[in-house]
Amino acid sequence: MRTLFALVIIAGLILGYGYYHAATHGWLHITLLDTSVKPYGGNIRDAELRLLDGDGKLLANARTDQKFRVVRLIHPEAGDCSAAEQNAPTSPEARDQWQKCFQTLSTWLVDWAGRIRSTDVKFANCDLKAIPVIVHESREDWWLWWVPLPHIGGKPLTYFSVSINVDGENCGAAAGTTG
């Protein structure tokens, strides 16, 4: 009986830690596409974004990077972590810097990412204001964090995603902006 009780306590602690980590750490993926680029749309170079809540209050700034055109969040102190990410494969110290920067970003964004309701997007000669967006939030796999397999497991995160579609040719929001 004690063994069963101990196993239940251990399982509860393991699952509790997974839920806690998912609730306090997150990842935000933002897709920014120009739908005027045919046939599938194109990622936008040199774009600046302002992520806003329902009252129009600034939650965070972001920008697309030059090389991959992905949207990177800009932390008020840590920046966008791109330099740390690029240097991570070069040494254990650089990898530790990347992990520290990722930790800072993941604990920062989980508090506000679910409240994003609109975004301002500025690129080329286009300055779009208050494009409505929908945030998709997922915490589905938190209970699998302890599984020691490469394709599942690992410390769980809350995943947020936003897709922003703009018509760069006509400088306007495009249909299909979702979470």
N, C-alpha and C. Protein backbone atom coordinates (compact mmCIF):
# COMPACT_ATOMS: atom_id res chain seq x y z
N MET A 1 0.81 -1.19 0.00
CA MET A 1 0.00 0.00 0.00
C MET A 1 0.86 1.26 0.00
N ARG A 2 1.94 1.23 0.79
CA ARG A 2 2.83 2.39 0.83
C ARG A 2 3.49 2.61 -0.52
N THR A 3 3.84 1.52 -1.19
CA THR A 3 4.47 1.62 -2.50
C THR A 3 3.51 2.29 -3.50
N LEU A 4 2.27 1.88 -3.48
CA LEU A 4 1.27 2.48 -4.36
C LEU A 4 1.09 3.97 -4.05
N PHE A 5 1.03 4.28 -2.77
CA PHE A 5 0.91 5.68 -2.35
C PHE A 5 2.12 6.49 -2.82
N ALA A 6 3.30 5.93 -2.67
CA ALA A 6 4.53 6.62 -3.09
C ALA A 6 4.53 6.83 -4.61
N LEU A 7 4.10 5.82 -5.37
CA LEU A 7 4.04 5.95 -6.83
C LEU A 7 3.04 7.04 -7.25
N VAL A 8 1.91 7.10 -6.57
CA VAL A 8 0.91 8.13 -6.88
C VAL A 8 1.48 9.52 -6.57
N ILE A 9 2.17 9.66 -5.47
CA ILE A 9 2.79 10.95 -5.11
C ILE A 9 3.85 11.33 -6.14
N ILE A 10 4.69 10.41 -6.52
CA ILE A 10 5.75 10.68 -7.51
C ILE A 10 5.13 11.06 -8.85
N ALA A 11 4.12 10.31 -9.29
CA ALA A 11 3.45 10.63 -10.56
C ALA A 11 2.81 12.01 -10.48
N GLY A 12 2.19 12.33 -9.35
CA GLY A 12 1.58 13.65 -9.17
C GLY A 12 2.61 14.76 -9.22
N LEU A 13 3.75 14.55 -8.61
CA LEU A 13 4.82 15.56 -8.65
C LEU A 13 5.36 15.75 -10.07
N ILE A 14 5.56 14.65 -10.76
CA ILE A 14 6.06 14.73 -12.14
C ILE A 14 5.07 15.49 -13.02
N LEU A 15 3.80 15.11 -12.95
CA LEU A 15 2.79 15.79 -13.76
C LEU A 15 2.58 17.23 -13.31
N GLY A 16 2.65 17.47 -12.01
CA GLY A 16 2.51 18.83 -11.49
C GLY A 16 3.61 19.74 -12.00
N TYR A 17 4.84 19.22 -12.03
CA TYR A 17 5.95 20.03 -12.56
C TYR A 17 5.73 20.33 -14.04
N GLY A 18 5.28 19.35 -14.79
CA GLY A 18 5.02 19.57 -16.21
C GLY A 18 3.98 20.66 -16.43
N TYR A 19 2.90 20.59 -15.66
CA TYR A 19 1.85 21.62 -15.80
C TYR A 19 2.39 22.99 -15.40
N TYR A 20 3.12 23.05 -14.30
CA TYR A 20 3.71 24.31 -13.83
C TYR A 20 4.63 24.91 -14.91
N HIS A 21 5.49 24.08 -15.47
CA HIS A 21 6.44 24.59 -16.47
C HIS A 21 5.71 25.11 -17.70
N ALA A 22 4.69 24.39 -18.15
CA ALA A 22 3.92 24.83 -19.31
C ALA A 22 3.17 26.13 -19.02
N ALA A 23 2.72 26.31 -17.79
CA ALA A 23 1.99 27.52 -17.42
C ALA A 23 2.90 28.73 -17.26
N THR A 24 4.19 28.52 -17.03
CA THR A 24 5.10 29.63 -16.78
C THR A 24 6.13 29.85 -17.89
N HIS A 25 6.10 29.06 -18.94
CA HIS A 25 7.05 29.19 -20.05
C HIS A 25 6.29 29.03 -21.36
N GLY A 26 6.63 29.85 -22.33
CA GLY A 26 5.91 29.78 -23.59
C GLY A 26 6.77 30.07 -24.80
N TRP A 27 6.15 29.90 -25.95
CA TRP A 27 6.77 30.17 -27.24
C TRP A 27 5.73 30.82 -28.12
N LEU A 28 6.09 31.91 -28.76
CA LEU A 28 5.18 32.63 -29.65
C LEU A 28 5.71 32.57 -31.06
N HIS A 29 4.90 32.02 -31.97
CA HIS A 29 5.26 31.95 -33.39
C HIS A 29 4.37 32.92 -34.15
N ILE A 30 4.98 33.87 -34.84
CA ILE A 30 4.25 34.85 -35.63
C ILE A 30 4.62 34.66 -37.09
N THR A 31 3.60 34.47 -37.93
CA THR A 31 3.81 34.39 -39.37
C THR A 31 3.32 35.69 -39.98
N LEU A 32 4.16 36.34 -40.75
CA LEU A 32 3.81 37.58 -41.44
C LEU A 32 3.99 37.36 -42.93
N LEU A 33 2.87 37.33 -43.67
CA LEU A 33 2.91 37.04 -45.10
C LEU A 33 2.33 38.18 -45.92
N ASP A 34 2.96 38.42 -47.06
CA ASP A 34 2.44 39.37 -48.05
C ASP A 34 1.68 38.54 -49.08
N THR A 35 0.34 38.64 -49.06
CA THR A 35 -0.49 37.83 -49.95
C THR A 35 -0.47 38.33 -51.39
N SER A 36 0.10 39.51 -51.64
CA SER A 36 0.17 39.99 -53.02
C SER A 36 1.27 39.29 -53.80
N VAL A 37 2.16 38.57 -53.10
CA VAL A 37 3.20 37.78 -53.75
C VAL A 37 2.57 36.44 -54.10
N LYS A 38 2.46 36.14 -55.38
CA LYS A 38 1.78 34.93 -55.83
C LYS A 38 2.79 33.85 -56.16
N PRO A 39 2.49 32.59 -56.05
CA PRO A 39 1.17 32.00 -55.81
C PRO A 39 0.86 31.77 -54.33
N TYR A 40 1.87 31.73 -53.42
CA TYR A 40 1.61 31.32 -52.04
C TYR A 40 1.80 32.41 -51.01
N GLY A 41 2.20 33.57 -51.39
CA GLY A 41 2.51 34.62 -50.42
C GLY A 41 3.98 34.59 -50.08
N GLY A 42 4.50 35.72 -49.67
CA GLY A 42 5.92 35.80 -49.35
C GLY A 42 6.15 36.43 -47.99
N ASN A 43 7.22 35.99 -47.34
CA ASN A 43 7.59 36.60 -46.07
C ASN A 43 8.12 38.00 -46.33
N ILE A 44 7.91 38.89 -45.39
CA ILE A 44 8.27 40.29 -45.57
C ILE A 44 9.60 40.59 -44.90
N ARG A 45 10.46 41.26 -45.63
CA ARG A 45 11.77 41.67 -45.13
C ARG A 45 11.65 43.06 -44.50
N ASP A 46 12.43 43.28 -43.46
CA ASP A 46 12.51 44.59 -42.80
C ASP A 46 11.16 45.11 -42.29
N ALA A 47 10.40 44.26 -41.66
CA ALA A 47 9.12 44.69 -41.09
C ALA A 47 9.28 44.90 -39.59
N GLU A 48 8.57 45.89 -39.09
CA GLU A 48 8.51 46.15 -37.65
C GLU A 48 7.07 45.93 -37.21
N LEU A 49 6.89 45.26 -36.09
CA LEU A 49 5.56 44.97 -35.58
C LEU A 49 5.42 45.49 -34.16
N ARG A 50 4.22 45.93 -33.85
CA ARG A 50 3.84 46.29 -32.49
C ARG A 50 2.65 45.42 -32.15
N LEU A 51 2.78 44.60 -31.11
CA LEU A 51 1.72 43.71 -30.68
C LEU A 51 0.90 44.41 -29.61
N LEU A 52 -0.41 44.48 -29.83
CA LEU A 52 -1.29 45.29 -28.98
C LEU A 52 -2.38 44.46 -28.34
N ASP A 53 -2.83 44.89 -27.16
CA ASP A 53 -3.95 44.21 -26.50
C ASP A 53 -5.27 44.80 -26.99
N GLY A 54 -6.37 44.40 -26.39
CA GLY A 54 -7.69 44.85 -26.81
C GLY A 54 -7.93 46.34 -26.64
N ASP A 55 -7.18 46.98 -25.76
CA ASP A 55 -7.31 48.43 -25.55
C ASP A 55 -6.31 49.23 -26.38
N GLY A 56 -5.53 48.55 -27.21
CA GLY A 56 -4.53 49.23 -28.04
C GLY A 56 -3.23 49.49 -27.30
N LYS A 57 -3.07 48.90 -26.12
CA LYS A 57 -1.85 49.07 -25.32
C LYS A 57 -0.75 48.16 -25.87
N LEU A 58 0.46 48.70 -25.96
CA LEU A 58 1.60 47.94 -26.47
C LEU A 58 1.98 46.82 -25.51
N LEU A 59 2.02 45.60 -26.03
CA LEU A 59 2.47 44.44 -25.26
C LEU A 59 3.94 44.14 -25.55
N ALA A 60 4.32 44.23 -26.83
CA ALA A 60 5.70 43.92 -27.22
C ALA A 60 5.97 44.43 -28.63
N ASN A 61 7.24 44.57 -28.93
CA ASN A 61 7.69 44.90 -30.27
C ASN A 61 8.32 43.65 -30.88
N ALA A 62 8.31 43.60 -32.20
CA ALA A 62 8.93 42.49 -32.92
C ALA A 62 9.42 43.01 -34.26
N ARG A 63 10.25 42.23 -34.93
CA ARG A 63 10.73 42.59 -36.27
C ARG A 63 11.12 41.32 -37.01
N THR A 64 11.10 41.43 -38.33
CA THR A 64 11.54 40.29 -39.13
C THR A 64 13.05 40.36 -39.26
N ASP A 65 13.68 39.21 -39.23
CA ASP A 65 15.13 39.22 -39.39
C ASP A 65 15.50 39.22 -40.87
N GLN A 66 16.68 39.68 -41.17
CA GLN A 66 17.13 39.85 -42.55
C GLN A 66 17.32 38.53 -43.28
N LYS A 67 17.93 37.57 -42.62
CA LYS A 67 18.34 36.35 -43.29
C LYS A 67 17.17 35.40 -43.57
N PHE A 68 16.38 35.12 -42.55
CA PHE A 68 15.33 34.11 -42.70
C PHE A 68 13.94 34.71 -42.79
N ARG A 69 13.82 36.01 -42.56
CA ARG A 69 12.54 36.73 -42.61
C ARG A 69 11.53 36.20 -41.60
N VAL A 70 12.01 35.65 -40.51
CA VAL A 70 11.13 35.21 -39.44
C VAL A 70 10.89 36.38 -38.48
N VAL A 71 9.77 36.35 -37.80
CA VAL A 71 9.45 37.41 -36.86
C VAL A 71 10.07 37.07 -35.51
N ARG A 72 10.85 38.01 -34.99
CA ARG A 72 11.52 37.82 -33.71
C ARG A 72 11.01 38.84 -32.70
N LEU A 73 10.63 38.36 -31.53
CA LEU A 73 10.23 39.25 -30.45
C LEU A 73 11.44 40.01 -29.93
N ILE A 74 11.21 41.21 -29.46
CA ILE A 74 12.29 42.01 -28.89
C ILE A 74 12.00 42.22 -27.40
N HIS A 75 12.75 41.55 -26.56
CA HIS A 75 12.62 41.70 -25.12
C HIS A 75 13.19 43.06 -24.72
N PRO A 76 12.57 43.74 -23.75
CA PRO A 76 13.06 45.07 -23.35
C PRO A 76 14.53 45.10 -22.92
N GLU A 77 15.03 44.05 -22.28
CA GLU A 77 16.45 44.02 -21.87
C GLU A 77 17.27 43.04 -22.70
N ALA A 78 16.74 41.86 -22.97
CA ALA A 78 17.51 40.81 -23.64
C ALA A 78 17.57 40.97 -25.15
N GLY A 79 16.73 41.81 -25.74
CA GLY A 79 16.71 41.96 -27.19
C GLY A 79 15.99 40.79 -27.85
N ASP A 80 16.45 40.42 -29.04
CA ASP A 80 15.76 39.35 -29.77
C ASP A 80 16.48 38.01 -29.73
N CYS A 81 17.59 37.92 -29.07
CA CYS A 81 18.34 36.67 -28.86
C CYS A 81 18.93 36.07 -30.13
N SER A 82 18.86 36.75 -31.27
CA SER A 82 19.35 36.15 -32.51
C SER A 82 20.86 35.92 -32.50
N ALA A 83 21.62 36.83 -31.92
CA ALA A 83 23.08 36.64 -31.86
C ALA A 83 23.42 35.43 -30.99
N ALA A 84 22.75 35.31 -29.86
CA ALA A 84 23.00 34.15 -28.98
C ALA A 84 22.60 32.85 -29.68
N GLU A 85 21.52 32.89 -30.43
CA GLU A 85 21.06 31.70 -31.15
C GLU A 85 22.07 31.28 -32.22
N GLN A 86 22.58 32.24 -32.96
CA GLN A 86 23.53 31.93 -34.03
C GLN A 86 24.85 31.41 -33.48
N ASN A 87 25.25 31.89 -32.30
CA ASN A 87 26.52 31.47 -31.71
C ASN A 87 26.41 30.19 -30.90
N ALA A 88 25.20 29.73 -30.61
CA ALA A 88 24.99 28.57 -29.73
C ALA A 88 25.78 27.33 -30.15
N PRO A 89 25.91 27.01 -31.44
CA PRO A 89 26.65 25.79 -31.79
C PRO A 89 28.17 25.90 -31.61
N THR A 90 28.69 27.08 -31.35
CA THR A 90 30.14 27.27 -31.34
C THR A 90 30.83 26.87 -30.05
N SER A 91 30.12 26.92 -28.92
CA SER A 91 30.76 26.58 -27.64
C SER A 91 29.71 26.34 -26.56
N PRO A 92 30.11 25.67 -25.50
CA PRO A 92 29.17 25.48 -24.38
C PRO A 92 28.75 26.81 -23.74
N GLU A 93 29.67 27.77 -23.68
CA GLU A 93 29.34 29.08 -23.11
C GLU A 93 28.29 29.80 -23.96
N ALA A 94 28.45 29.74 -25.27
CA ALA A 94 27.49 30.37 -26.17
C ALA A 94 26.13 29.67 -26.07
N ARG A 95 26.15 28.36 -25.92
CA ARG A 95 24.91 27.60 -25.76
C ARG A 95 24.20 28.00 -24.46
N ASP A 96 24.99 28.21 -23.40
CA ASP A 96 24.42 28.66 -22.13
C ASP A 96 23.80 30.04 -22.26
N GLN A 97 24.44 30.93 -23.03
CA GLN A 97 23.88 32.27 -23.26
C GLN A 97 22.55 32.17 -24.00
N TRP A 98 22.49 31.30 -25.01
CA TRP A 98 21.25 31.11 -25.76
C TRP A 98 20.15 30.57 -24.84
N GLN A 99 20.48 29.58 -24.01
CA GLN A 99 19.50 29.02 -23.09
C GLN A 99 18.99 30.08 -22.10
N LYS A 100 19.89 30.92 -21.62
CA LYS A 100 19.50 31.98 -20.68
C LYS A 100 18.59 32.99 -21.38
N CYS A 101 18.93 33.36 -22.60
CA CYS A 101 18.11 34.31 -23.35
C CYS A 101 16.74 33.70 -23.66
N PHE A 102 16.71 32.45 -24.09
CA PHE A 102 15.45 31.77 -24.36
C PHE A 102 14.59 31.70 -23.10
N GLN A 103 15.21 31.39 -21.97
CA GLN A 103 14.49 31.34 -20.69
C GLN A 103 13.86 32.69 -20.38
N THR A 104 14.60 33.76 -20.60
CA THR A 104 14.09 35.12 -20.36
C THR A 104 12.89 35.40 -21.24
N LEU A 105 13.01 35.10 -22.54
CA LEU A 105 11.90 35.34 -23.46
C LEU A 105 10.69 34.46 -23.14
N SER A 106 10.93 33.19 -22.84
CA SER A 106 9.80 32.27 -22.64
C SER A 106 9.01 32.58 -21.39
N THR A 107 9.66 33.07 -20.34
CA THR A 107 8.92 33.42 -19.12
C THR A 107 8.27 34.79 -19.24
N TRP A 108 8.83 35.65 -20.07
CA TRP A 108 8.29 37.01 -20.29
C TRP A 108 7.01 36.95 -21.11
N LEU A 109 7.02 36.23 -22.21
CA LEU A 109 5.90 36.28 -23.15
C LEU A 109 4.67 35.52 -22.67
N VAL A 110 4.84 34.55 -21.81
CA VAL A 110 3.69 33.75 -21.39
C VAL A 110 2.67 34.61 -20.63
N ASP A 111 3.09 35.71 -20.05
CA ASP A 111 2.19 36.58 -19.29
C ASP A 111 1.28 37.43 -20.18
N TRP A 112 1.69 37.71 -21.41
CA TRP A 112 0.91 38.63 -22.24
C TRP A 112 0.53 38.10 -23.62
N ALA A 113 1.14 37.06 -24.11
CA ALA A 113 0.91 36.62 -25.50
C ALA A 113 -0.55 36.27 -25.77
N GLY A 114 -1.24 35.71 -24.83
CA GLY A 114 -2.64 35.36 -25.02
C GLY A 114 -3.57 36.56 -25.11
N ARG A 115 -3.07 37.75 -24.77
CA ARG A 115 -3.89 38.97 -24.81
C ARG A 115 -3.72 39.77 -26.10
N ILE A 116 -2.92 39.30 -27.04
CA ILE A 116 -2.74 40.02 -28.30
C ILE A 116 -4.07 40.04 -29.05
N ARG A 117 -4.50 41.21 -29.47
CA ARG A 117 -5.75 41.34 -30.23
C ARG A 117 -5.55 42.05 -31.56
N SER A 118 -4.46 42.83 -31.68
CA SER A 118 -4.19 43.51 -32.94
C SER A 118 -2.69 43.79 -33.04
N THR A 119 -2.29 44.19 -34.23
CA THR A 119 -0.88 44.50 -34.44
C THR A 119 -0.75 45.65 -35.43
N ASP A 120 0.27 46.46 -35.21
CA ASP A 120 0.68 47.47 -36.19
C ASP A 120 1.84 46.86 -36.96
N VAL A 121 1.84 47.02 -38.26
CA VAL A 121 2.91 46.48 -39.11
C VAL A 121 3.44 47.59 -40.00
N LYS A 122 4.76 47.76 -39.99
CA LYS A 122 5.40 48.79 -40.82
C LYS A 122 6.49 48.11 -41.65
N PHE A 123 6.40 48.29 -42.97
CA PHE A 123 7.42 47.75 -43.88
C PHE A 123 7.38 48.57 -45.16
N ALA A 124 8.52 48.66 -45.83
CA ALA A 124 8.66 49.44 -47.07
C ALA A 124 7.98 50.79 -46.87
N ASN A 125 7.04 51.16 -47.73
CA ASN A 125 6.33 52.43 -47.59
C ASN A 125 4.94 52.22 -47.00
N CYS A 126 4.77 51.15 -46.27
CA CYS A 126 3.46 50.78 -45.75
C CYS A 126 3.47 50.82 -44.22
N ASP A 127 2.48 51.47 -43.65
CA ASP A 127 2.36 51.57 -42.19
C ASP A 127 0.92 51.25 -41.81
N LEU A 128 0.67 50.00 -41.45
CA LEU A 128 -0.68 49.53 -41.14
C LEU A 128 -0.92 49.58 -39.64
N LYS A 129 -2.10 50.03 -39.25
CA LYS A 129 -2.43 50.18 -37.83
C LYS A 129 -3.55 49.24 -37.43
N ALA A 130 -3.42 48.68 -36.26
CA ALA A 130 -4.46 47.90 -35.58
C ALA A 130 -5.10 46.82 -36.46
N ILE A 131 -4.26 45.98 -37.06
CA ILE A 131 -4.78 44.83 -37.81
C ILE A 131 -5.26 43.81 -36.79
N PRO A 132 -6.55 43.46 -36.83
CA PRO A 132 -7.05 42.48 -35.85
C PRO A 132 -6.42 41.10 -36.07
N VAL A 133 -6.07 40.44 -34.99
CA VAL A 133 -5.50 39.08 -35.06
C VAL A 133 -6.17 38.20 -34.02
N ILE A 134 -6.07 36.91 -34.24
CA ILE A 134 -6.56 35.92 -33.30
C ILE A 134 -5.35 35.10 -32.86
N VAL A 135 -5.23 34.91 -31.57
CA VAL A 135 -4.13 34.13 -31.02
C VAL A 135 -4.62 32.72 -30.76
N HIS A 136 -3.86 31.75 -31.26
CA HIS A 136 -4.15 30.34 -30.96
C HIS A 136 -3.20 29.93 -29.83
N GLU A 137 -3.74 29.33 -28.80
CA GLU A 137 -2.95 28.92 -27.64
C GLU A 137 -3.09 27.42 -27.44
N SER A 138 -1.97 26.75 -27.21
CA SER A 138 -2.00 25.30 -27.02
C SER A 138 -1.05 24.91 -25.89
N ARG A 139 -1.56 24.05 -25.03
CA ARG A 139 -0.77 23.49 -23.94
C ARG A 139 -1.07 21.99 -23.87
N GLU A 140 -1.30 21.39 -25.02
CA GLU A 140 -1.83 20.03 -25.09
C GLU A 140 -0.89 18.94 -24.59
N ASP A 141 0.41 19.11 -24.76
CA ASP A 141 1.32 18.00 -24.46
C ASP A 141 2.08 18.15 -23.15
N TRP A 142 1.61 18.98 -22.24
CA TRP A 142 2.34 19.22 -21.00
C TRP A 142 2.56 17.93 -20.19
N TRP A 143 1.63 17.02 -20.26
CA TRP A 143 1.73 15.82 -19.45
C TRP A 143 2.70 14.78 -20.02
N LEU A 144 3.22 15.00 -21.23
CA LEU A 144 4.18 14.07 -21.84
C LEU A 144 5.64 14.50 -21.65
N TRP A 145 5.87 15.53 -20.86
CA TRP A 145 7.22 16.10 -20.79
C TRP A 145 8.27 15.10 -20.32
N TRP A 146 7.92 14.13 -19.56
CA TRP A 146 8.86 13.20 -18.97
C TRP A 146 9.23 12.04 -19.90
N VAL A 147 8.56 11.91 -21.05
CA VAL A 147 8.82 10.79 -21.97
C VAL A 147 10.20 10.98 -22.63
N PRO A 148 11.09 10.00 -22.49
CA PRO A 148 12.46 10.16 -23.00
C PRO A 148 12.63 9.77 -24.47
N LEU A 149 11.81 10.36 -25.34
CA LEU A 149 11.93 10.10 -26.77
C LEU A 149 12.20 11.42 -27.49
N PRO A 150 12.96 11.40 -28.58
CA PRO A 150 13.34 12.66 -29.24
C PRO A 150 12.16 13.44 -29.84
N HIS A 151 11.11 12.78 -30.28
CA HIS A 151 10.02 13.47 -30.94
C HIS A 151 8.90 13.88 -29.99
N ILE A 152 8.95 13.43 -28.76
CA ILE A 152 8.03 13.90 -27.73
C ILE A 152 8.81 14.07 -26.44
N GLY A 153 8.23 14.69 -25.48
CA GLY A 153 8.91 14.90 -24.22
C GLY A 153 9.67 16.21 -24.22
N GLY A 154 10.47 16.41 -23.21
CA GLY A 154 11.16 17.67 -23.01
C GLY A 154 10.30 18.59 -22.17
N LYS A 155 10.89 19.64 -21.65
CA LYS A 155 10.14 20.54 -20.80
C LYS A 155 9.01 21.19 -21.60
N PRO A 156 7.80 21.14 -21.08
CA PRO A 156 6.64 21.63 -21.83
C PRO A 156 6.53 23.15 -21.83
N LEU A 157 5.94 23.66 -22.89
CA LEU A 157 5.71 25.09 -23.06
C LEU A 157 4.26 25.31 -23.46
N THR A 158 3.78 26.53 -23.26
CA THR A 158 2.52 26.94 -23.84
C THR A 158 2.86 27.55 -25.18
N TYR A 159 2.25 27.05 -26.25
CA TYR A 159 2.53 27.53 -27.59
C TYR A 159 1.45 28.52 -28.02
N PHE A 160 1.89 29.68 -28.47
CA PHE A 160 1.00 30.69 -29.01
C PHE A 160 1.36 30.87 -30.48
N SER A 161 0.35 31.07 -31.32
CA SER A 161 0.64 31.35 -32.73
C SER A 161 -0.31 32.42 -33.26
N VAL A 162 0.24 33.25 -34.13
CA VAL A 162 -0.51 34.32 -34.78
C VAL A 162 -0.06 34.36 -36.24
N SER A 163 -1.02 34.47 -37.13
CA SER A 163 -0.72 34.61 -38.55
C SER A 163 -1.26 35.96 -39.01
N ILE A 164 -0.39 36.77 -39.60
CA ILE A 164 -0.77 38.10 -40.07
C ILE A 164 -0.57 38.14 -41.57
N ASN A 165 -1.65 38.39 -42.30
CA ASN A 165 -1.58 38.49 -43.75
C ASN A 165 -1.82 39.93 -44.17
N VAL A 166 -0.91 40.45 -44.97
CA VAL A 166 -1.04 41.82 -45.48
C VAL A 166 -0.97 41.80 -47.00
N ASP A 167 -1.54 42.80 -47.60
CA ASP A 167 -1.47 43.00 -49.04
C ASP A 167 -0.47 44.12 -49.27
N GLY A 168 0.78 43.73 -49.52
CA GLY A 168 1.85 44.71 -49.67
C GLY A 168 1.69 45.59 -50.89
N GLU A 169 1.09 45.08 -51.94
CA GLU A 169 0.89 45.84 -53.16
C GLU A 169 -0.07 47.01 -52.95
N ASN A 170 -1.12 46.78 -52.15
CA ASN A 170 -2.12 47.81 -51.90
C ASN A 170 -2.02 48.40 -50.49
N CYS A 171 -1.00 48.02 -49.73
CA CYS A 171 -0.75 48.50 -48.36
C CYS A 171 -2.01 48.40 -47.51
N GLY A 172 -2.44 47.16 -47.29
CA GLY A 172 -3.62 46.94 -46.47
C GLY A 172 -3.61 45.57 -45.84
N ALA A 173 -4.50 45.39 -44.89
CA ALA A 173 -4.65 44.05 -44.28
C ALA A 173 -5.30 43.14 -45.30
N ALA A 174 -4.94 41.89 -45.27
CA ALA A 174 -5.50 40.91 -46.21
C ALA A 174 -6.35 39.91 -45.45
N ALA A 175 -7.21 39.25 -46.16
CA ALA A 175 -8.04 38.20 -45.56
C ALA A 175 -7.14 37.07 -45.07
N GLY A 176 -7.58 36.41 -44.04
CA GLY A 176 -6.85 35.24 -43.57
C GLY A 176 -5.94 35.48 -42.40
N THR A 177 -6.02 36.64 -41.75
CA THR A 177 -5.22 36.88 -40.55
C THR A 177 -5.88 36.15 -39.39
N THR A 178 -5.18 35.14 -38.86
CA THR A 178 -5.75 34.29 -37.82
C THR A 178 -4.72 33.91 -36.79
N GLY A 179 -5.15 33.07 -35.88
CA GLY A 179 -4.24 32.50 -34.87
C GLY A 179 -3.85 31.12 -35.25
